[in-house]
Amino acid sequence: MSHLTSSPSMDAATSSAQLQRYERELLERVRNSLPVIASRLLAAGVVSVDVIYDGCGDSGQIERLTAFDAEQQPIDLEHVAGVDEQALMDLFYDLTQVRHPGWENNDGGCGEFHWTVTTHSLQHMHSDRIMDFDTTEHEGL
């Protein structure tokens, strides 16, 4: 199964203007794709989707993407017609990147999305890891 849309190009996204345009493209792709996916999920009986992600040390990943039916039982997205689980994960990667650029760098960040498909409600909780030092310096006795 192929992605719903192609990924925006990151070609020469080094300037601030180019990076802003890239992030707008990512957000637009998410905004255009989620309603299409939502209708397919609803047709398959999916009422909500939870996404857990974590990143640090210049690497980040989605730890878990789980779809649920009305009884809160997991639904295997492999059997949902018209939904590519990897494409859905890519959309959540994109949304995370737009909202928290560099979430995977250094000490990183982690978070979760809860998407109530039936009400089109998307909640996102993100935490940044911050290394902190409390330094005390002494000289003499």
Protein backbone atom coordinates (compact mmCIF):
# COMPACT_ATOMS: atom_id res chain seq x y z
CA MET A 1 0.00 0.00 0.00
CA SER A 2 1.42 3.43 -0.85
CA HIS A 3 1.39 6.65 1.10
CA LEU A 4 -1.54 8.99 0.60
CA THR A 5 0.74 11.83 -0.42
CA SER A 6 4.45 12.13 -1.03
CA SER A 7 6.74 13.59 1.59
CA PRO A 8 7.72 17.23 1.21
CA SER A 9 11.19 17.80 -0.13
CA MET A 10 13.96 18.68 2.31
CA ASP A 11 16.24 19.81 -0.56
CA ALA A 12 18.49 22.62 0.60
CA ALA A 13 16.33 23.34 3.63
CA THR A 14 19.14 25.22 5.30
CA SER A 15 17.85 28.77 5.43
CA SER A 16 15.26 29.92 7.87
CA ALA A 17 12.78 30.68 5.07
CA GLN A 18 13.30 27.26 3.49
CA LEU A 19 12.91 25.52 6.84
CA GLN A 20 9.71 27.44 7.55
CA ARG A 21 8.34 26.50 4.11
CA TYR A 22 9.28 22.85 4.74
CA GLU A 23 7.49 22.86 8.10
CA ARG A 24 4.40 24.47 6.51
CA GLU A 25 4.42 21.71 3.87
CA LEU A 26 4.61 19.06 6.60
CA LEU A 27 1.72 20.61 8.51
CA GLU A 28 -0.37 20.98 5.35
CA ARG A 29 0.24 17.33 4.49
CA VAL A 30 -0.93 16.29 7.96
CA ARG A 31 -4.01 18.52 7.76
CA ASN A 32 -4.95 17.15 4.34
CA SER A 33 -4.26 13.48 5.10
CA LEU A 34 -5.76 12.96 8.57
CA PRO A 35 -9.41 13.53 7.50
CA VAL A 36 -9.00 11.01 4.67
CA ILE A 37 -7.49 8.47 7.03
CA ALA A 38 -10.14 9.25 9.66
CA SER A 39 -12.96 8.30 7.30
CA ARG A 40 -11.23 5.00 6.49
CA LEU A 41 -10.61 4.26 10.17
CA LEU A 42 -14.23 5.04 11.08
CA ALA A 43 -15.45 2.71 8.32
CA ALA A 44 -13.36 -0.05 9.92
CA GLY A 45 -14.74 0.59 13.40
CA VAL A 46 -11.70 2.46 14.76
CA VAL A 47 -12.76 5.14 17.26
CA SER A 48 -9.35 6.23 18.60
CA VAL A 49 -5.63 5.99 17.97
CA ASP A 50 -2.81 6.33 20.49
CA VAL A 51 0.75 7.14 19.42
CA ILE A 52 3.74 6.99 21.77
CA TYR A 53 7.13 8.38 20.63
CA ASP A 54 10.57 8.82 22.15
CA GLY A 55 13.83 10.27 20.96
CA CYS A 56 17.33 11.24 22.08
CA GLY A 57 20.92 11.15 20.84
CA ASP A 58 19.88 12.32 17.35
CA SER A 59 17.46 9.43 16.88
CA GLY A 60 13.74 9.19 17.45
CA GLN A 61 11.03 6.67 16.83
CA ILE A 62 7.41 5.91 17.33
CA GLU A 63 7.37 3.31 20.06
CA ARG A 64 3.76 2.29 19.59
CA LEU A 65 0.77 3.13 17.42
CA THR A 66 -2.44 1.48 18.58
CA ALA A 67 -5.93 1.76 17.11
CA PHE A 68 -8.95 0.98 19.28
CA ASP A 69 -12.57 0.02 18.65
CA ALA A 70 -15.58 1.26 20.67
CA GLU A 71 -14.88 -1.31 23.41
CA GLN A 72 -11.26 -0.07 23.64
CA GLN A 73 -9.99 -3.30 22.11
CA PRO A 74 -6.95 -2.96 19.83
CA ILE A 75 -7.54 -3.24 16.09
CA ASP A 76 -4.79 -4.45 13.78
CA LEU A 77 -4.40 -1.71 11.15
CA GLU A 78 -2.92 -4.24 8.74
CA HIS A 79 -6.48 -5.37 8.05
CA VAL A 80 -7.99 -1.88 7.62
CA ALA A 81 -8.57 -1.17 3.94
CA GLY A 82 -6.99 2.02 2.66
CA VAL A 83 -4.84 2.68 5.76
CA ASP A 84 -1.08 2.33 5.52
CA GLU A 85 0.22 2.11 9.09
CA GLN A 86 3.66 3.42 8.07
CA ALA A 87 2.07 6.40 6.28
CA LEU A 88 0.05 7.14 9.43
CA MET A 89 3.21 6.98 11.54
CA ASP A 90 4.92 9.33 9.09
CA LEU A 91 2.13 11.86 9.60
CA PHE A 92 2.64 11.76 13.36
CA TYR A 93 6.40 12.08 12.89
CA ASP A 94 5.76 15.14 10.73
CA LEU A 95 3.39 16.70 13.26
CA THR A 96 5.88 16.10 16.06
CA GLN A 97 8.66 17.68 13.99
CA VAL A 98 6.56 20.76 13.21
CA ARG A 99 5.52 21.28 16.83
CA HIS A 100 8.84 20.34 18.45
CA PRO A 101 11.71 20.65 15.94
CA GLY A 102 14.74 18.65 17.04
CA TRP A 103 12.74 16.56 19.53
CA GLU A 104 15.15 13.69 18.88
CA ASN A 105 18.37 15.64 19.46
CA ASN A 106 20.64 15.61 22.51
CA ASP A 107 18.67 14.57 25.61
CA GLY A 108 15.61 14.45 23.37
CA GLY A 109 11.95 14.42 24.06
CA CYS A 110 9.04 12.07 24.29
CA GLY A 111 5.31 12.27 24.11
CA GLU A 112 2.03 10.87 23.04
CA PHE A 113 -0.92 11.64 20.86
CA HIS A 114 -4.48 10.59 21.57
CA TRP A 115 -6.65 10.94 18.48
CA THR A 116 -10.37 10.46 19.05
CA VAL A 117 -11.33 9.76 15.46
CA THR A 118 -15.07 9.94 16.09
CA THR A 119 -14.91 13.55 17.35
CA HIS A 120 -11.86 14.67 15.32
CA SER A 121 -10.11 15.54 18.59
CA LEU A 122 -6.32 15.33 18.70
CA GLN A 123 -4.52 15.71 22.01
CA HIS A 124 -0.73 15.94 22.11
CA MET A 125 1.42 15.85 25.23
CA HIS A 126 5.17 16.40 24.76
CA SER A 127 8.03 16.47 27.26
CA ASP A 128 11.55 17.73 26.59
CA ARG A 129 14.42 16.17 28.49
CA ILE A 130 16.80 18.79 29.85
CA MET A 131 20.13 18.02 31.44
CA ASP A 132 20.71 20.33 34.35
CA PHE A 133 23.78 21.07 36.45
CA ASP A 134 23.97 22.55 39.91
CA THR A 135 27.58 23.64 40.32
CA THR A 136 29.21 24.73 43.53
CA GLU A 137 32.75 26.09 43.57
CA HIS A 138 34.97 26.42 46.64
CA GLU A 139 38.38 27.94 47.14
CA GLY A 140 40.42 27.43 50.25
CA LEU A 141 39.08 26.23 53.60
